[in-house]
N, C-alpha and C. Protein backbone atom coordinates (compact mmCIF):
# COMPACT_ATOMS: atom_id res chain seq x y z
N MET A 1 20.18 -10.78 -27.01
CA MET A 1 19.05 -10.55 -26.13
C MET A 1 19.39 -11.09 -24.75
N ILE A 2 19.18 -10.28 -23.74
CA ILE A 2 19.46 -10.66 -22.35
C ILE A 2 18.23 -11.35 -21.77
N PRO A 3 18.41 -12.50 -21.12
CA PRO A 3 17.25 -13.14 -20.49
C PRO A 3 16.75 -12.31 -19.30
N LEU A 4 15.47 -12.33 -19.10
CA LEU A 4 14.85 -11.57 -18.03
C LEU A 4 15.37 -11.98 -16.65
N THR A 5 15.70 -13.24 -16.48
CA THR A 5 16.21 -13.71 -15.19
C THR A 5 17.56 -13.10 -14.85
N ALA A 6 18.30 -12.65 -15.85
CA ALA A 6 19.59 -12.02 -15.60
C ALA A 6 19.43 -10.60 -15.05
N LEU A 7 18.23 -10.07 -15.13
CA LEU A 7 17.99 -8.70 -14.69
C LEU A 7 17.30 -8.64 -13.33
N TRP A 8 17.34 -9.71 -12.55
CA TRP A 8 16.63 -9.72 -11.26
C TRP A 8 17.16 -8.65 -10.32
N PHE A 9 18.49 -8.41 -10.30
CA PHE A 9 19.04 -7.40 -9.40
C PHE A 9 18.61 -5.99 -9.81
N PRO A 10 18.74 -5.58 -11.09
CA PRO A 10 18.26 -4.25 -11.47
C PRO A 10 16.75 -4.08 -11.24
N ILE A 11 15.99 -5.16 -11.43
CA ILE A 11 14.54 -5.09 -11.19
C ILE A 11 14.26 -4.80 -9.72
N LEU A 12 14.90 -5.55 -8.83
CA LEU A 12 14.68 -5.33 -7.40
C LEU A 12 15.23 -3.98 -6.95
N LEU A 13 16.38 -3.58 -7.48
CA LEU A 13 16.96 -2.30 -7.11
C LEU A 13 16.06 -1.14 -7.54
N SER A 14 15.55 -1.19 -8.75
CA SER A 14 14.66 -0.13 -9.21
C SER A 14 13.36 -0.12 -8.42
N THR A 15 12.88 -1.30 -8.04
CA THR A 15 11.67 -1.38 -7.22
C THR A 15 11.88 -0.70 -5.87
N VAL A 16 12.99 -1.00 -5.23
CA VAL A 16 13.29 -0.41 -3.93
C VAL A 16 13.47 1.11 -4.05
N ILE A 17 14.16 1.56 -5.08
CA ILE A 17 14.38 3.00 -5.27
C ILE A 17 13.05 3.73 -5.47
N VAL A 18 12.19 3.19 -6.33
CA VAL A 18 10.89 3.81 -6.57
C VAL A 18 10.04 3.79 -5.30
N PHE A 19 10.05 2.68 -4.58
CA PHE A 19 9.26 2.56 -3.35
C PHE A 19 9.72 3.58 -2.31
N VAL A 20 11.01 3.68 -2.09
CA VAL A 20 11.54 4.62 -1.09
C VAL A 20 11.30 6.06 -1.54
N ALA A 21 11.58 6.36 -2.79
CA ALA A 21 11.40 7.73 -3.29
C ALA A 21 9.94 8.15 -3.21
N SER A 22 9.03 7.27 -3.59
CA SER A 22 7.61 7.64 -3.53
C SER A 22 7.14 7.79 -2.09
N SER A 23 7.68 6.98 -1.19
CA SER A 23 7.32 7.11 0.23
C SER A 23 7.79 8.46 0.77
N ILE A 24 9.00 8.83 0.44
CA ILE A 24 9.52 10.12 0.89
C ILE A 24 8.70 11.26 0.30
N MET A 25 8.40 11.17 -0.98
CA MET A 25 7.63 12.23 -1.63
C MET A 25 6.26 12.41 -0.99
N HIS A 26 5.59 11.31 -0.65
CA HIS A 26 4.25 11.41 -0.09
C HIS A 26 4.24 11.79 1.39
N MET A 27 5.31 11.48 2.12
CA MET A 27 5.32 11.78 3.55
C MET A 27 5.99 13.12 3.87
N VAL A 28 6.97 13.52 3.09
CA VAL A 28 7.76 14.70 3.43
C VAL A 28 7.30 15.94 2.66
N LEU A 29 7.12 15.80 1.37
CA LEU A 29 6.75 16.96 0.57
C LEU A 29 5.32 17.39 0.87
N PRO A 30 5.06 18.70 0.94
CA PRO A 30 3.75 19.18 1.39
C PRO A 30 2.67 19.29 0.31
N TYR A 31 2.93 18.86 -0.90
CA TYR A 31 1.96 19.13 -1.96
C TYR A 31 0.67 18.33 -1.85
N HIS A 32 0.58 17.31 -1.00
CA HIS A 32 -0.67 16.56 -0.82
C HIS A 32 -1.45 17.03 0.41
N LYS A 33 -0.90 17.93 1.20
CA LYS A 33 -1.54 18.34 2.44
C LYS A 33 -2.90 19.01 2.20
N SER A 34 -3.07 19.68 1.08
CA SER A 34 -4.34 20.37 0.81
C SER A 34 -5.34 19.49 0.05
N ASP A 35 -5.03 18.22 -0.17
CA ASP A 35 -5.94 17.35 -0.91
C ASP A 35 -7.20 17.01 -0.13
N TYR A 36 -7.11 16.99 1.19
CA TYR A 36 -8.24 16.57 2.02
C TYR A 36 -8.52 17.63 3.07
N ARG A 37 -9.79 17.83 3.35
CA ARG A 37 -10.21 18.73 4.42
C ARG A 37 -11.28 18.03 5.25
N MET A 38 -11.47 18.52 6.45
CA MET A 38 -12.50 17.97 7.33
C MET A 38 -13.87 18.47 6.89
N LEU A 39 -14.86 17.60 6.97
CA LEU A 39 -16.23 18.00 6.66
C LEU A 39 -16.75 18.94 7.74
N PRO A 40 -17.50 19.96 7.34
CA PRO A 40 -18.17 20.76 8.36
C PRO A 40 -19.22 19.88 9.04
N ASP A 41 -19.30 19.93 10.34
CA ASP A 41 -20.23 19.12 11.13
C ASP A 41 -20.11 17.64 10.76
N GLU A 42 -18.88 17.15 10.84
CA GLU A 42 -18.54 15.79 10.41
C GLU A 42 -19.39 14.72 11.08
N ASP A 43 -19.65 14.85 12.36
CA ASP A 43 -20.44 13.83 13.06
C ASP A 43 -21.84 13.70 12.48
N ARG A 44 -22.48 14.82 12.18
CA ARG A 44 -23.82 14.78 11.61
C ARG A 44 -23.80 14.17 10.21
N VAL A 45 -22.80 14.52 9.42
CA VAL A 45 -22.71 13.98 8.05
C VAL A 45 -22.45 12.47 8.08
N THR A 46 -21.51 12.02 8.91
CA THR A 46 -21.22 10.59 8.97
C THR A 46 -22.38 9.80 9.55
N ASP A 47 -23.11 10.39 10.51
CA ASP A 47 -24.32 9.73 11.03
C ASP A 47 -25.37 9.58 9.93
N ALA A 48 -25.52 10.61 9.09
CA ALA A 48 -26.49 10.56 7.99
C ALA A 48 -26.09 9.50 6.96
N ILE A 49 -24.80 9.42 6.66
CA ILE A 49 -24.33 8.42 5.69
C ILE A 49 -24.55 7.02 6.26
N ARG A 50 -24.22 6.83 7.52
CA ARG A 50 -24.40 5.53 8.18
C ARG A 50 -25.88 5.14 8.21
N SER A 51 -26.75 6.08 8.58
CA SER A 51 -28.18 5.77 8.68
C SER A 51 -28.82 5.54 7.31
N ALA A 52 -28.21 6.07 6.24
CA ALA A 52 -28.74 5.86 4.89
C ALA A 52 -28.38 4.48 4.36
N GLY A 53 -27.52 3.75 5.08
CA GLY A 53 -27.16 2.40 4.64
C GLY A 53 -26.09 2.36 3.55
N VAL A 54 -25.30 3.42 3.45
CA VAL A 54 -24.23 3.45 2.46
C VAL A 54 -23.16 2.45 2.88
N THR A 55 -22.77 1.59 1.96
CA THR A 55 -21.77 0.57 2.26
C THR A 55 -20.52 0.81 1.43
N ARG A 56 -19.42 0.18 1.84
CA ARG A 56 -18.18 0.33 1.09
C ARG A 56 -18.34 -0.35 -0.26
N GLY A 57 -17.52 0.03 -1.18
CA GLY A 57 -17.59 -0.57 -2.50
C GLY A 57 -17.36 0.47 -3.56
N PRO A 58 -18.20 0.45 -4.57
CA PRO A 58 -17.97 1.39 -5.68
C PRO A 58 -18.19 2.82 -5.22
N ALA A 59 -17.68 3.74 -5.98
CA ALA A 59 -17.84 5.15 -5.66
C ALA A 59 -19.30 5.56 -5.90
N TYR A 60 -19.77 6.45 -5.06
CA TYR A 60 -21.12 7.00 -5.20
C TYR A 60 -20.98 8.40 -5.79
N PHE A 61 -21.75 8.68 -6.84
CA PHE A 61 -21.76 10.01 -7.45
C PHE A 61 -23.08 10.66 -7.10
N PHE A 62 -23.03 11.91 -6.67
CA PHE A 62 -24.28 12.60 -6.35
C PHE A 62 -24.24 14.03 -6.89
N PRO A 63 -25.38 14.49 -7.37
CA PRO A 63 -26.65 13.80 -7.53
C PRO A 63 -26.56 12.79 -8.68
N TYR A 64 -27.05 11.60 -8.44
CA TYR A 64 -26.92 10.52 -9.41
C TYR A 64 -27.92 10.69 -10.55
N CYS A 65 -27.46 10.40 -11.77
CA CYS A 65 -28.32 10.38 -12.94
C CYS A 65 -27.64 9.56 -14.03
N SER A 66 -28.43 9.08 -14.96
CA SER A 66 -27.85 8.36 -16.09
C SER A 66 -27.38 9.38 -17.13
N PHE A 67 -26.61 8.92 -18.10
CA PHE A 67 -26.13 9.84 -19.13
C PHE A 67 -27.28 10.41 -19.95
N LYS A 68 -28.34 9.61 -20.12
CA LYS A 68 -29.50 10.10 -20.88
C LYS A 68 -30.20 11.23 -20.15
N GLU A 69 -30.19 11.17 -18.81
CA GLU A 69 -30.88 12.18 -18.01
C GLU A 69 -30.03 13.44 -17.78
N MET A 70 -28.76 13.40 -18.15
CA MET A 70 -27.81 14.45 -17.80
C MET A 70 -28.27 15.84 -18.25
N LYS A 71 -28.95 15.94 -19.38
CA LYS A 71 -29.33 17.25 -19.91
C LYS A 71 -30.78 17.61 -19.60
N SER A 72 -31.49 16.76 -18.86
CA SER A 72 -32.88 17.08 -18.54
C SER A 72 -32.92 18.21 -17.52
N ALA A 73 -33.98 18.99 -17.56
CA ALA A 73 -34.10 20.18 -16.71
C ALA A 73 -33.99 19.86 -15.21
N PRO A 74 -34.68 18.81 -14.70
CA PRO A 74 -34.57 18.54 -13.26
C PRO A 74 -33.14 18.19 -12.83
N VAL A 75 -32.43 17.43 -13.66
CA VAL A 75 -31.07 17.03 -13.30
C VAL A 75 -30.14 18.24 -13.38
N VAL A 76 -30.28 19.06 -14.40
CA VAL A 76 -29.46 20.26 -14.51
C VAL A 76 -29.68 21.16 -13.30
N GLU A 77 -30.91 21.27 -12.84
CA GLU A 77 -31.21 22.09 -11.67
C GLU A 77 -30.56 21.50 -10.41
N ARG A 78 -30.63 20.18 -10.26
CA ARG A 78 -29.99 19.53 -9.10
C ARG A 78 -28.49 19.72 -9.14
N LEU A 79 -27.89 19.65 -10.33
CA LEU A 79 -26.45 19.86 -10.46
C LEU A 79 -26.07 21.31 -10.15
N LYS A 80 -26.90 22.26 -10.58
CA LYS A 80 -26.62 23.66 -10.29
C LYS A 80 -26.77 23.96 -8.80
N ARG A 81 -27.79 23.36 -8.18
CA ARG A 81 -28.06 23.60 -6.76
C ARG A 81 -26.95 23.02 -5.89
N GLY A 82 -26.41 21.87 -6.31
CA GLY A 82 -25.29 21.26 -5.60
C GLY A 82 -25.69 20.71 -4.25
N PRO A 83 -24.81 20.13 -3.53
CA PRO A 83 -23.43 19.88 -3.91
C PRO A 83 -23.34 18.74 -4.91
N VAL A 84 -22.27 18.75 -5.68
CA VAL A 84 -21.97 17.68 -6.63
C VAL A 84 -20.72 17.01 -6.10
N GLY A 85 -20.75 15.69 -6.02
CA GLY A 85 -19.57 15.04 -5.45
C GLY A 85 -19.44 13.59 -5.81
N LEU A 86 -18.33 13.06 -5.37
CA LEU A 86 -17.99 11.66 -5.54
C LEU A 86 -17.60 11.16 -4.16
N LEU A 87 -18.26 10.12 -3.69
CA LEU A 87 -18.04 9.60 -2.35
C LEU A 87 -17.47 8.20 -2.43
N THR A 88 -16.33 8.00 -1.82
CA THR A 88 -15.72 6.68 -1.72
C THR A 88 -15.79 6.25 -0.27
N VAL A 89 -16.44 5.12 0.00
CA VAL A 89 -16.59 4.62 1.36
C VAL A 89 -15.61 3.47 1.55
N LEU A 90 -14.71 3.63 2.51
CA LEU A 90 -13.70 2.62 2.82
C LEU A 90 -14.21 1.71 3.93
N PRO A 91 -13.55 0.56 4.15
CA PRO A 91 -13.96 -0.31 5.25
C PRO A 91 -13.82 0.41 6.59
N SER A 92 -14.69 0.09 7.52
CA SER A 92 -14.61 0.68 8.85
C SER A 92 -13.37 0.18 9.56
N GLY A 93 -12.86 0.98 10.47
CA GLY A 93 -11.68 0.61 11.23
C GLY A 93 -10.47 1.38 10.78
N PRO A 94 -9.36 1.16 11.47
CA PRO A 94 -8.13 1.88 11.10
C PRO A 94 -7.65 1.43 9.73
N PRO A 95 -6.97 2.34 9.01
CA PRO A 95 -6.48 1.97 7.67
C PRO A 95 -5.43 0.87 7.74
N ALA A 96 -5.43 0.01 6.74
CA ALA A 96 -4.47 -1.10 6.66
C ALA A 96 -3.23 -0.61 5.93
N ILE A 97 -2.42 0.19 6.61
CA ILE A 97 -1.25 0.80 5.97
C ILE A 97 -0.25 -0.26 5.51
N GLY A 98 -0.02 -1.26 6.35
CA GLY A 98 0.93 -2.31 5.98
C GLY A 98 0.51 -3.03 4.72
N LYS A 99 -0.77 -3.38 4.63
CA LYS A 99 -1.29 -4.07 3.44
C LYS A 99 -1.15 -3.17 2.21
N ASN A 100 -1.46 -1.89 2.35
CA ASN A 100 -1.35 -0.96 1.23
C ASN A 100 0.09 -0.80 0.77
N LEU A 101 1.03 -0.76 1.71
CA LEU A 101 2.44 -0.64 1.34
C LEU A 101 2.94 -1.90 0.63
N VAL A 102 2.51 -3.07 1.09
CA VAL A 102 2.89 -4.32 0.42
C VAL A 102 2.33 -4.35 -1.00
N GLN A 103 1.07 -3.94 -1.16
CA GLN A 103 0.47 -3.91 -2.49
C GLN A 103 1.21 -2.93 -3.39
N TRP A 104 1.62 -1.77 -2.87
CA TRP A 104 2.37 -0.79 -3.65
C TRP A 104 3.72 -1.36 -4.05
N PHE A 105 4.40 -2.07 -3.13
CA PHE A 105 5.70 -2.66 -3.44
C PHE A 105 5.55 -3.72 -4.54
N VAL A 106 4.54 -4.57 -4.44
CA VAL A 106 4.30 -5.59 -5.46
C VAL A 106 4.00 -4.94 -6.81
N TYR A 107 3.22 -3.87 -6.79
CA TYR A 107 2.93 -3.15 -8.02
C TYR A 107 4.22 -2.60 -8.64
N CYS A 108 5.11 -2.05 -7.80
CA CYS A 108 6.39 -1.54 -8.30
C CYS A 108 7.22 -2.66 -8.93
N ILE A 109 7.18 -3.85 -8.33
CA ILE A 109 7.89 -5.01 -8.91
C ILE A 109 7.31 -5.36 -10.27
N VAL A 110 5.99 -5.40 -10.36
CA VAL A 110 5.34 -5.74 -11.63
C VAL A 110 5.72 -4.74 -12.72
N VAL A 111 5.71 -3.46 -12.39
CA VAL A 111 6.07 -2.43 -13.37
C VAL A 111 7.54 -2.58 -13.77
N SER A 112 8.41 -2.87 -12.80
CA SER A 112 9.83 -3.06 -13.10
C SER A 112 10.06 -4.26 -14.00
N VAL A 113 9.36 -5.35 -13.73
CA VAL A 113 9.48 -6.55 -14.57
C VAL A 113 8.98 -6.25 -15.98
N PHE A 114 7.89 -5.54 -16.09
CA PHE A 114 7.34 -5.17 -17.39
C PHE A 114 8.33 -4.29 -18.16
N ALA A 115 8.91 -3.30 -17.47
CA ALA A 115 9.89 -2.42 -18.11
C ALA A 115 11.13 -3.20 -18.54
N ALA A 116 11.58 -4.14 -17.70
CA ALA A 116 12.74 -4.95 -18.04
C ALA A 116 12.44 -5.84 -19.25
N SER A 117 11.23 -6.38 -19.29
CA SER A 117 10.88 -7.25 -20.43
C SER A 117 10.82 -6.44 -21.73
N LEU A 118 10.37 -5.20 -21.64
CA LEU A 118 10.37 -4.34 -22.82
C LEU A 118 11.80 -4.00 -23.25
N ALA A 119 12.65 -3.79 -22.27
CA ALA A 119 14.05 -3.42 -22.57
C ALA A 119 14.82 -4.59 -23.18
N THR A 120 14.44 -5.81 -22.85
CA THR A 120 15.17 -6.97 -23.36
C THR A 120 14.63 -7.44 -24.70
N ALA A 121 13.51 -6.93 -25.11
CA ALA A 121 12.89 -7.38 -26.37
C ALA A 121 13.61 -6.82 -27.57
């Protein structure tokens, strides 16, 4: 059995490879370009969200209902009428890209360490 500390170089190497490859895939390849679109009349929609007091945090599902209410006639009508959506509100201000990249790199390290520990078992 190989000790996990002996695998520090392969762990870091695999972390860097996954980090660079995923960065290239997300920035260069066009398959994510259609994931997001601009809202029609974006200013009016964002003003309405702001004035409603929506804060960052958990995702908002609309029209909201409990699982027990899901099959009731009023809820079914609201779902048919639409729109049906999931709203995620992020913190105001520019995105923290550096923080997100550091978190992704740390996550890659954790996965690499976990994979190495499984391989040495």
